[in-house]
N, C-alpha and C. Protein backbone atom coordinates (compact mmCIF):
# COMPACT_ATOMS: atom_id res chain seq x y z
N MET A 1 16.09 27.64 -58.35
CA MET A 1 17.27 27.72 -56.67
C MET A 1 17.34 29.47 -56.93
N ILE A 2 17.71 30.39 -55.56
CA ILE A 2 17.68 31.54 -55.31
C ILE A 2 19.63 31.33 -55.91
N TYR A 3 19.74 32.73 -55.28
CA TYR A 3 21.88 32.25 -55.79
C TYR A 3 21.36 33.26 -54.50
N ILE A 4 22.47 32.80 -53.73
CA ILE A 4 22.55 33.16 -52.02
C ILE A 4 24.39 33.03 -51.83
N SER A 5 24.52 34.48 -51.56
CA SER A 5 25.95 34.76 -51.65
C SER A 5 27.31 33.92 -49.77
N GLU A 6 28.39 34.46 -49.71
CA GLU A 6 28.60 34.09 -48.75
C GLU A 6 28.71 33.95 -47.61
N ILE A 7 27.99 33.60 -46.50
CA ILE A 7 27.87 34.02 -45.19
C ILE A 7 28.63 35.50 -45.07
N SER A 8 28.70 36.50 -44.77
CA SER A 8 29.57 37.34 -44.35
C SER A 8 29.08 38.45 -42.70
N ASN A 9 30.03 38.89 -42.57
CA ASN A 9 30.24 38.85 -41.23
C ASN A 9 31.33 40.53 -40.57
N LYS A 10 30.22 41.43 -42.36
CA LYS A 10 30.67 42.51 -42.54
C LYS A 10 29.63 43.28 -43.34
N PRO A 11 29.36 44.59 -43.23
CA PRO A 11 27.93 45.03 -44.20
C PRO A 11 28.96 44.71 -45.08
N LEU A 12 27.49 44.53 -45.72
CA LEU A 12 27.49 44.50 -47.74
C LEU A 12 27.94 45.90 -48.59
N GLU A 13 28.22 45.70 -49.59
CA GLU A 13 28.55 46.42 -50.32
C GLU A 13 27.36 48.07 -50.11
N ARG A 14 27.70 49.42 -50.14
CA ARG A 14 26.56 50.56 -50.05
C ARG A 14 26.29 50.99 -51.39
N GLY A 15 26.02 52.11 -50.45
CA GLY A 15 24.93 52.67 -52.41
C GLY A 15 24.21 51.83 -53.11
N ASN A 16 23.19 50.96 -52.88
CA ASN A 16 22.13 50.17 -53.37
C ASN A 16 21.42 50.15 -52.73
N ASN A 17 21.01 50.63 -51.75
CA ASN A 17 19.50 50.29 -51.37
C ASN A 17 20.01 51.25 -49.89
N ASN A 18 18.75 52.20 -49.72
CA ASN A 18 19.21 53.15 -49.09
C ASN A 18 18.28 52.48 -47.84
N ASN A 19 17.73 51.60 -47.61
CA ASN A 19 17.63 50.93 -46.47
C ASN A 19 18.67 50.55 -46.61
N GLN A 20 19.06 49.33 -46.64
CA GLN A 20 19.96 48.65 -46.30
C GLN A 20 20.91 49.56 -45.77
N ASP A 21 21.86 50.60 -45.90
CA ASP A 21 22.51 50.84 -45.82
C ASP A 21 22.52 52.09 -45.05
N GLN A 22 20.97 51.88 -44.26
CA GLN A 22 20.60 52.66 -42.88
C GLN A 22 20.07 51.12 -42.24
N THR A 23 20.38 50.49 -42.67
CA THR A 23 20.46 49.31 -41.47
C THR A 23 22.39 49.27 -40.30
N PHE A 24 22.61 48.74 -41.78
CA PHE A 24 24.63 48.43 -41.12
C PHE A 24 24.90 49.43 -40.77
N ASP A 25 24.25 50.76 -40.99
CA ASP A 25 25.05 51.59 -40.50
C ASP A 25 23.92 51.88 -39.16
N LEU A 26 23.35 51.13 -38.66
CA LEU A 26 22.50 50.85 -37.57
C LEU A 26 23.48 49.72 -36.64
N LEU A 27 23.40 48.85 -37.31
CA LEU A 27 23.51 47.57 -36.17
C LEU A 27 25.67 48.79 -35.95
N GLU A 28 26.27 49.10 -37.57
CA GLU A 28 27.58 49.83 -36.42
C GLU A 28 27.97 50.31 -35.80
N LYS A 29 26.61 51.55 -35.72
CA LYS A 29 26.86 52.53 -34.38
C LYS A 29 26.09 51.62 -33.33
N LEU A 30 25.40 51.02 -32.98
CA LEU A 30 25.39 49.78 -32.12
C LEU A 30 26.04 49.48 -32.09
N ASN A 31 27.63 48.57 -32.85
CA ASN A 31 28.58 47.41 -32.04
C ASN A 31 27.83 45.95 -31.93
N ILE A 32 26.80 46.34 -32.85
CA ILE A 32 25.82 44.76 -32.78
C ILE A 32 26.33 43.89 -33.84
N ASP A 33 27.08 42.67 -33.52
CA ASP A 33 27.78 41.47 -34.33
C ASP A 33 26.33 40.70 -35.14
N PHE A 34 26.37 40.26 -36.77
CA PHE A 34 25.26 39.64 -37.68
C PHE A 34 25.94 38.90 -38.37
N SER A 35 25.12 37.83 -39.37
CA SER A 35 25.73 37.34 -40.36
C SER A 35 25.12 37.39 -41.37
N CYS A 36 24.72 37.99 -43.03
CA CYS A 36 24.59 38.94 -43.88
C CYS A 36 24.56 37.74 -45.57
N VAL A 37 23.87 37.89 -45.63
CA VAL A 37 23.23 37.60 -46.88
C VAL A 37 23.42 37.95 -47.87
N SER A 38 23.97 38.08 -48.97
CA SER A 38 22.90 38.55 -50.60
C SER A 38 22.86 37.49 -51.01
N ASN A 39 21.63 38.28 -51.64
CA ASN A 39 20.37 36.89 -52.53
C ASN A 39 20.10 37.25 -53.70
N ASP A 40 19.34 36.44 -54.56
CA ASP A 40 18.74 36.77 -55.88
C ASP A 40 17.04 37.29 -54.14
N VAL A 41 15.67 37.63 -55.72
CA VAL A 41 15.20 39.16 -54.30
C VAL A 41 14.20 37.50 -54.45
N VAL A 42 14.03 37.21 -53.70
CA VAL A 42 12.45 35.91 -52.65
C VAL A 42 11.86 37.24 -51.77
N GLU A 43 10.61 37.12 -52.42
CA GLU A 43 9.02 37.49 -52.30
C GLU A 43 8.45 36.94 -51.62
N THR A 44 8.96 35.14 -50.90
CA THR A 44 7.76 34.92 -49.88
C THR A 44 7.96 34.26 -49.21
N MET A 45 8.00 33.77 -48.10
CA MET A 45 8.43 32.80 -46.93
C MET A 45 8.47 31.78 -47.92
N GLU A 46 7.94 31.40 -48.53
CA GLU A 46 9.15 29.50 -49.24
C GLU A 46 10.54 30.13 -49.88
N GLU A 47 10.53 31.28 -50.90
CA GLU A 47 11.79 31.41 -50.53
C GLU A 47 12.18 31.63 -49.77
N CYS A 48 12.06 31.49 -48.68
CA CYS A 48 13.35 32.39 -47.91
C CYS A 48 13.23 30.89 -47.09
N GLU A 49 12.57 29.67 -46.93
CA GLU A 49 13.42 29.14 -46.52
C GLU A 49 15.13 28.01 -46.62
N GLU A 50 15.56 28.97 -48.29
CA GLU A 50 16.89 28.30 -48.07
C GLU A 50 18.02 29.14 -47.99
N LEU A 51 17.72 30.28 -47.56
CA LEU A 51 17.60 31.99 -46.42
C LEU A 51 18.41 30.89 -45.02
N ASP A 52 17.20 30.94 -45.29
CA ASP A 52 16.86 29.52 -42.80
C ASP A 52 18.65 28.82 -43.09
N LYS A 53 18.44 27.55 -44.65
CA LYS A 53 19.10 26.77 -44.27
C LYS A 53 20.77 27.35 -44.04
N VAL A 54 20.87 27.84 -44.92
CA VAL A 54 21.51 29.08 -45.24
C VAL A 54 22.76 30.15 -43.96
N LEU A 55 22.20 30.49 -43.03
CA LEU A 55 22.03 31.66 -42.57
C LEU A 55 21.63 30.43 -40.90
N GLU A 56 21.44 29.97 -40.67
CA GLU A 56 20.87 28.94 -39.68
C GLU A 56 20.29 29.57 -39.06
N VAL A 57 18.69 30.60 -39.38
CA VAL A 57 18.36 30.81 -38.02
C VAL A 57 17.30 30.89 -39.07
N GLU A 58 15.42 31.34 -38.99
CA GLU A 58 14.25 31.41 -39.48
C GLU A 58 14.24 33.34 -40.10
N ILE A 59 14.22 32.87 -41.07
CA ILE A 59 13.87 34.25 -41.53
C ILE A 59 11.86 34.68 -41.18
N ARG A 60 11.79 35.53 -39.97
CA ARG A 60 10.26 36.17 -39.17
C ARG A 60 9.03 36.88 -40.80
N LYS A 61 8.24 36.28 -40.17
CA LYS A 61 7.24 37.15 -41.36
C LYS A 61 7.33 38.23 -40.28
N SER A 62 7.24 39.43 -42.28
CA SER A 62 6.81 40.44 -41.20
C SER A 62 5.49 41.18 -41.68
N LEU A 63 4.08 41.68 -40.94
CA LEU A 63 2.78 41.76 -41.77
C LEU A 63 2.63 43.30 -41.96
N LEU A 64 2.08 43.88 -42.49
CA LEU A 64 1.54 45.61 -42.14
C LEU A 64 0.29 45.76 -41.92
N VAL A 65 0.08 45.92 -41.32
CA VAL A 65 -2.01 45.88 -40.57
C VAL A 65 -2.71 47.51 -39.66
N ARG A 66 -3.92 47.10 -40.80
CA ARG A 66 -3.96 48.19 -40.16
C ARG A 66 -5.81 48.21 -39.07
N ASN A 67 -6.31 49.30 -38.66
CA ASN A 67 -7.41 49.31 -38.24
C ASN A 67 -7.89 49.48 -38.92
N GLN A 68 -9.59 49.82 -38.84
CA GLN A 68 -10.59 50.34 -40.25
C GLN A 68 -10.90 51.87 -39.84
N LYS A 69 -10.16 52.50 -39.26
CA LYS A 69 -10.01 53.58 -39.72
C LYS A 69 -8.91 54.41 -40.45
N LYS A 70 -7.79 53.04 -40.29
CA LYS A 70 -6.77 53.75 -40.65
C LYS A 70 -6.05 54.30 -39.85
N THR A 71 -6.24 54.57 -38.82
CA THR A 71 -5.42 55.52 -38.14
C THR A 71 -4.24 54.78 -37.59
N ARG A 72 -4.80 53.91 -37.16
CA ARG A 72 -3.97 52.92 -36.75
C ARG A 72 -2.44 51.31 -37.00
N TYR A 73 -1.67 51.30 -37.29
CA TYR A 73 -0.69 51.10 -38.49
C TYR A 73 0.06 49.74 -37.01
N TYR A 74 0.41 48.59 -37.41
CA TYR A 74 0.88 47.19 -36.37
C TYR A 74 1.35 46.81 -37.49
N LEU A 75 3.11 46.81 -37.35
CA LEU A 75 3.87 45.20 -37.87
C LEU A 75 3.43 44.23 -37.03
N VAL A 76 4.47 43.16 -38.08
CA VAL A 76 3.10 42.04 -37.07
C VAL A 76 4.48 41.44 -37.41
N VAL A 77 5.47 40.26 -36.51
CA VAL A 77 6.57 39.26 -36.47
C VAL A 77 5.77 38.73 -36.18
N MET A 78 6.33 37.39 -36.88
CA MET A 78 5.70 35.97 -36.26
C MET A 78 6.51 34.91 -36.70
N PRO A 79 7.05 33.69 -36.31
CA PRO A 79 7.61 33.05 -36.85
C PRO A 79 6.70 32.48 -38.20
N ALA A 80 8.27 31.82 -39.34
CA ALA A 80 6.35 31.60 -40.90
C ALA A 80 6.05 30.54 -41.42
N SER A 81 5.74 29.96 -40.12
CA SER A 81 5.35 28.62 -39.50
C SER A 81 4.34 29.58 -39.36
N LYS A 82 3.58 30.53 -39.17
CA LYS A 82 1.61 30.90 -38.75
C LYS A 82 1.62 31.32 -39.54
N ARG A 83 0.10 30.94 -39.42
CA ARG A 83 -0.58 32.21 -39.85
C ARG A 83 -1.49 32.96 -39.32
N CYS A 84 -2.09 33.76 -39.66
CA CYS A 84 -2.16 35.47 -39.04
C CYS A 84 -3.91 35.63 -39.06
N ASP A 85 -4.50 35.01 -38.45
CA ASP A 85 -5.78 34.99 -38.63
C ASP A 85 -6.15 36.98 -37.79
N MET A 86 -7.08 37.26 -39.25
CA MET A 86 -7.25 38.66 -38.95
C MET A 86 -8.43 38.76 -37.29
N LYS A 87 -9.55 38.19 -37.17
CA LYS A 87 -10.28 38.20 -36.29
C LYS A 87 -9.75 38.30 -34.92
N GLU A 88 -8.57 37.14 -34.90
CA GLU A 88 -8.17 37.15 -34.41
C GLU A 88 -7.10 37.41 -33.56
N LEU A 89 -6.19 38.13 -34.23
CA LEU A 89 -5.30 39.76 -34.63
C LEU A 89 -5.85 40.56 -33.81
N ALA A 90 -7.33 40.69 -34.00
CA ALA A 90 -7.76 42.14 -34.49
C ALA A 90 -8.36 42.00 -32.13
N LEU A 91 -8.95 40.97 -32.58
CA LEU A 91 -7.98 40.38 -31.80
C LEU A 91 -8.01 40.41 -30.13
N LEU A 92 -6.37 39.70 -30.03
CA LEU A 92 -5.37 40.63 -29.17
C LEU A 92 -4.65 41.58 -28.99
N LEU A 93 -5.13 42.79 -29.96
CA LEU A 93 -5.45 44.15 -30.74
C LEU A 93 -5.31 44.69 -29.78
N ASP A 94 -6.85 44.35 -29.62
CA ASP A 94 -8.20 45.31 -28.94
C ASP A 94 -9.12 46.17 -30.04
N GLU A 95 -9.06 45.39 -31.20
CA GLU A 95 -9.52 46.93 -32.29
C GLU A 95 -10.71 45.92 -32.75
N ASN A 96 -12.07 46.29 -33.72
CA ASN A 96 -12.75 46.33 -33.98
C ASN A 96 -12.42 45.05 -35.67
N LYS A 97 -12.12 45.75 -36.36
CA LYS A 97 -11.45 44.97 -37.62
C LYS A 97 -10.09 44.70 -37.72
N LEU A 98 -9.16 44.57 -38.41
CA LEU A 98 -8.20 44.98 -38.62
C LEU A 98 -7.93 44.11 -40.32
N SER A 99 -7.48 45.14 -40.98
CA SER A 99 -6.95 44.49 -42.94
C SER A 99 -5.64 44.81 -42.76
N PHE A 100 -5.32 44.01 -43.50
CA PHE A 100 -3.54 44.16 -44.56
C PHE A 100 -3.48 46.17 -44.88
N ALA A 101 -2.49 46.82 -44.99
CA ALA A 101 -1.98 48.00 -45.01
C ALA A 101 -1.80 47.90 -46.89
N SER A 102 -1.71 49.08 -47.13
CA SER A 102 -1.15 48.81 -49.44
C SER A 102 -0.39 48.94 -49.15
N SER A 103 0.31 49.37 -49.99
CA SER A 103 1.69 48.94 -50.86
C SER A 103 2.08 50.62 -50.31
N SER A 104 1.24 51.82 -50.58
CA SER A 104 1.16 52.58 -50.60
C SER A 104 1.55 52.55 -48.89
N ASP A 105 0.46 52.14 -48.20
CA ASP A 105 0.51 52.33 -46.93
C ASP A 105 2.46 52.24 -47.17
N MET A 106 2.33 51.26 -47.12
CA MET A 106 4.86 50.03 -46.57
C MET A 106 5.08 51.72 -47.24
N LEU A 107 4.68 51.67 -48.13
CA LEU A 107 6.43 52.67 -48.31
C LEU A 107 6.29 54.31 -47.46
N SER A 108 5.13 54.55 -48.00
CA SER A 108 4.59 55.98 -47.14
C SER A 108 5.02 56.51 -45.75
N LEU A 109 4.96 55.44 -44.80
CA LEU A 109 5.33 54.40 -43.23
C LEU A 109 6.64 54.02 -42.92
N LEU A 110 7.35 53.19 -43.62
CA LEU A 110 8.28 52.13 -43.64
C LEU A 110 9.34 52.12 -44.68
N ASN A 111 9.76 52.94 -45.83
CA ASN A 111 10.01 53.39 -46.16
C ASN A 111 10.23 52.21 -47.63
N SER A 112 9.60 50.74 -47.32
CA SER A 112 9.53 49.22 -47.98
C SER A 112 8.28 49.07 -48.70
N ILE A 113 8.52 47.80 -49.64
CA ILE A 113 7.58 47.04 -50.30
C ILE A 113 7.31 46.49 -50.71
N PRO A 114 6.17 45.79 -50.91
CA PRO A 114 5.79 44.23 -50.78
C PRO A 114 6.99 43.04 -50.59
N GLY A 115 7.05 42.60 -49.69
CA GLY A 115 7.90 41.71 -49.58
C GLY A 115 9.48 42.36 -49.09
N SER A 116 9.25 43.16 -49.30
CA SER A 116 11.04 44.03 -48.48
C SER A 116 10.69 44.21 -46.50
N LEU A 117 9.49 44.11 -45.99
CA LEU A 117 8.72 44.82 -45.22
C LEU A 117 10.13 43.61 -44.16
N SER A 118 10.67 44.27 -43.14
CA SER A 118 10.96 44.10 -41.57
C SER A 118 10.89 44.92 -40.56
N ILE A 119 11.89 44.10 -39.59
CA ILE A 119 11.83 45.62 -38.76
C ILE A 119 12.28 46.07 -39.55
N MET A 120 12.78 45.93 -39.97
CA MET A 120 14.33 46.81 -40.50
C MET A 120 13.85 48.55 -40.77
N GLY A 121 12.63 48.30 -40.88
CA GLY A 121 12.07 49.46 -41.88
C GLY A 121 11.44 50.45 -41.10
N LEU A 122 11.30 49.66 -39.78
CA LEU A 122 11.60 51.11 -38.36
C LEU A 122 12.55 52.48 -38.20
N ILE A 123 12.98 51.87 -38.44
CA ILE A 123 13.97 53.47 -38.94
C ILE A 123 13.31 54.04 -39.78
N ASN A 124 12.46 54.41 -39.87
CA ASN A 124 12.25 55.08 -40.52
C ASN A 124 10.95 55.46 -40.86
N ASP A 125 10.78 54.95 -38.87
CA ASP A 125 9.23 55.32 -38.95
C ASP A 125 9.43 56.12 -37.78
N LYS A 126 10.24 57.38 -37.27
CA LYS A 126 10.53 58.29 -36.61
C LYS A 126 9.81 58.94 -35.59
N ASP A 127 8.34 59.41 -36.66
CA ASP A 127 6.69 59.51 -35.61
C ASP A 127 6.25 58.31 -34.48
N ASN A 128 6.61 57.01 -34.64
CA ASN A 128 6.11 56.50 -34.33
C ASN A 128 4.28 56.13 -35.04
N SER A 129 4.76 56.32 -36.23
CA SER A 129 3.49 55.88 -36.51
C SER A 129 3.04 54.53 -36.54
N VAL A 130 3.74 53.19 -36.44
CA VAL A 130 3.49 52.13 -36.90
C VAL A 130 3.59 50.90 -35.56
N GLN A 131 2.69 50.39 -34.80
CA GLN A 131 3.74 49.74 -33.38
C GLN A 131 3.77 48.39 -33.68
N LEU A 132 5.36 48.39 -32.86
CA LEU A 132 5.89 46.99 -33.02
C LEU A 132 5.27 46.10 -32.18
N VAL A 133 4.70 44.41 -33.44
CA VAL A 133 3.98 44.08 -32.30
C VAL A 133 4.90 41.81 -32.99
N PHE A 134 5.14 41.21 -32.17
CA PHE A 134 6.18 40.15 -31.88
C PHE A 134 5.27 39.55 -31.10
N ASP A 135 4.87 38.53 -32.26
CA ASP A 135 4.24 36.83 -31.68
C ASP A 135 5.18 36.24 -30.16
N LYS A 136 4.97 36.49 -28.74
CA LYS A 136 5.79 35.64 -27.87
C LYS A 136 6.73 34.08 -27.95
N SER A 137 6.43 33.92 -29.53
CA SER A 137 7.21 32.43 -29.59
C SER A 137 8.84 33.00 -30.30
N ILE A 138 8.86 33.97 -30.18
CA ILE A 138 10.22 35.17 -31.71
C ILE A 138 11.39 35.22 -30.03
N LEU A 139 10.56 35.81 -29.00
CA LEU A 139 11.54 36.10 -28.12
C LEU A 139 12.09 34.78 -27.34
N ASP A 140 12.09 33.85 -27.65
CA ASP A 140 12.25 32.31 -27.23
C ASP A 140 13.22 31.98 -28.40
N SER A 141 13.95 32.90 -29.11
CA SER A 141 15.23 32.47 -30.31
C SER A 141 16.26 32.77 -29.95
N GLU A 142 17.20 31.93 -30.10
CA GLU A 142 18.40 32.74 -29.67
C GLU A 142 18.46 34.21 -30.35
N TYR A 143 18.38 33.62 -31.87
CA TYR A 143 18.94 34.65 -33.15
C TYR A 143 17.76 34.48 -33.85
N PHE A 144 17.51 35.40 -34.52
CA PHE A 144 16.21 36.60 -34.99
C PHE A 144 16.94 36.59 -36.14
N GLY A 145 15.93 36.35 -37.35
CA GLY A 145 16.23 36.53 -39.35
C GLY A 145 15.06 37.50 -39.50
N CYS A 146 16.06 38.67 -40.58
CA CYS A 146 15.21 39.39 -41.44
C CYS A 146 16.40 40.09 -42.68
N ASN A 147 15.05 40.45 -42.91
CA ASN A 147 16.64 41.84 -44.44
C ASN A 147 16.60 42.70 -43.64
N THR A 148 17.47 43.41 -44.03
CA THR A 148 17.45 44.51 -45.07
C THR A 148 17.11 45.42 -44.17
N GLY A 149 16.04 44.97 -45.38
CA GLY A 149 14.62 46.78 -45.98
C GLY A 149 14.83 46.10 -47.84
N THR A 150 15.63 45.26 -47.57
CA THR A 150 14.87 45.44 -48.87
C THR A 150 15.07 43.17 -49.12
N ASN A 151 14.97 43.10 -49.82
CA ASN A 151 14.73 41.38 -51.06
C ASN A 151 15.55 40.98 -51.12
N LYS A 152 16.78 41.12 -51.21
CA LYS A 152 17.88 41.23 -51.71
C LYS A 152 18.82 40.90 -51.02
N SER A 153 18.72 41.13 -49.50
CA SER A 153 20.02 41.14 -48.67
C SER A 153 18.71 40.02 -46.90
N HIS A 154 19.76 39.80 -46.19
CA HIS A 154 19.59 39.34 -45.32
C HIS A 154 20.53 38.95 -43.27
N LEU A 155 19.94 39.37 -42.77
CA LEU A 155 20.85 39.51 -41.39
C LEU A 155 19.77 37.77 -40.49
N LYS A 156 21.23 37.63 -40.36
CA LYS A 156 21.48 36.83 -38.67
C LYS A 156 21.36 37.61 -37.38
N LEU A 157 21.16 38.43 -36.07
CA LEU A 157 20.80 38.58 -35.81
C LEU A 157 20.98 37.74 -33.92
N LYS A 158 21.35 38.52 -32.47
CA LYS A 158 20.99 37.64 -31.87
C LYS A 158 19.61 38.28 -31.27
N THR A 159 18.46 38.71 -30.73
CA THR A 159 17.17 38.23 -30.07
C THR A 159 17.69 39.23 -29.47
N SER A 160 18.54 38.93 -28.56
CA SER A 160 18.55 40.47 -27.51
C SER A 160 18.68 40.89 -27.66
N ASP A 161 19.64 41.20 -28.63
CA ASP A 161 20.46 42.22 -29.66
C ASP A 161 18.91 43.23 -29.88
N VAL A 162 18.30 42.42 -30.51
CA VAL A 162 17.53 43.20 -31.70
C VAL A 162 16.32 44.14 -30.35
N ILE A 163 16.19 43.24 -29.65
CA ILE A 163 15.45 43.64 -28.26
C ILE A 163 16.00 44.56 -26.79
N ASP A 164 17.21 44.40 -27.20
CA ASP A 164 18.28 44.98 -25.61
C ASP A 164 18.09 46.48 -26.31
N LYS A 165 18.51 46.00 -27.13
CA LYS A 165 19.74 47.33 -28.50
C LYS A 165 19.00 48.16 -29.65
N ILE A 166 18.50 48.11 -30.41
CA ILE A 166 17.91 47.81 -31.62
C ILE A 166 16.99 48.05 -31.31
N LEU A 167 15.29 47.70 -31.42
CA LEU A 167 14.30 48.74 -30.84
C LEU A 167 14.02 49.64 -30.03
N PRO A 168 14.88 49.56 -29.01
CA PRO A 168 14.77 50.62 -27.75
C PRO A 168 15.38 51.93 -28.29
N TYR A 169 16.84 51.15 -29.71
CA TYR A 169 17.47 53.21 -29.74
C TYR A 169 16.09 53.66 -31.19
N ILE A 170 16.29 52.80 -31.77
CA ILE A 170 14.29 52.43 -32.67
C ILE A 170 13.44 53.48 -31.91
N ASN A 171 12.88 53.81 -31.37
CA ASN A 171 12.90 53.85 -30.21
C ASN A 171 10.83 53.20 -30.47
N HIS A 172 11.27 52.20 -30.79
CA HIS A 172 9.46 50.95 -30.53
C HIS A 172 9.36 49.58 -30.08
N ASN A 173 9.09 49.64 -29.44
CA ASN A 173 9.10 49.22 -28.13
C ASN A 173 7.68 48.15 -27.80
N PRO A 174 7.87 46.73 -28.01
CA PRO A 174 7.05 46.18 -28.81
C PRO A 174 5.84 45.65 -27.54
N ILE A 175 4.44 45.72 -28.91
CA ILE A 175 3.07 44.74 -28.12
C ILE A 175 3.83 43.57 -28.39
N ILE A 176 3.30 42.54 -26.19
CA ILE A 176 4.22 40.79 -27.19
C ILE A 176 2.45 40.50 -26.91
N ILE A 177 2.44 39.24 -28.74
CA ILE A 177 0.42 38.92 -28.71
C ILE A 177 0.97 37.28 -28.36
N ASP A 178 -0.06 36.12 -28.18
CA ASP A 178 0.17 34.66 -28.87
C ASP A 178 -0.67 34.39 -29.73
N ILE A 179 -0.08 34.12 -31.39
CA ILE A 179 -0.65 34.54 -32.14
C ILE A 179 -0.94 32.28 -32.11
N GLU A 180 -1.79 31.53 -31.92
CA GLU A 180 -2.50 30.77 -31.90
C GLU A 180 -1.78 30.14 -33.34
């Protein structure tokens, strides 16, 4: 069992993680309501299930993939329960072949490390080097769960705030696909 703090509607303590600080700065700047918790490190979607129960939202799975030539990167966000078939994903994105990006790619593109990948990492993608991809089922959910850019804190946001406020502000329009 992992430690999970009480739910808060205020930013967590600043200065512990730059990504987390940037996330809370953005949420405050855009006047977005949220719920958050701090927690022990979680690195798998199975570990996130405890967070799901506390926040009453599913933490979304985020994968960073790249094309064969390493010229296009995609942040794929989908329900935790779905599996990602790379061949199917490549067809949906009109790519010949996709593979997982390296941890050094994660760090250089999104200032993220494995286990901490989330849409909040796109705050660091000022050059739009990463194309956001959403599974269409995400749009059907009232709420969106993700980490703050570190796997030690997690958020519950309104999906409409993610789509209508956060993504336009950070200049990332998602491609919507249907992952089977």
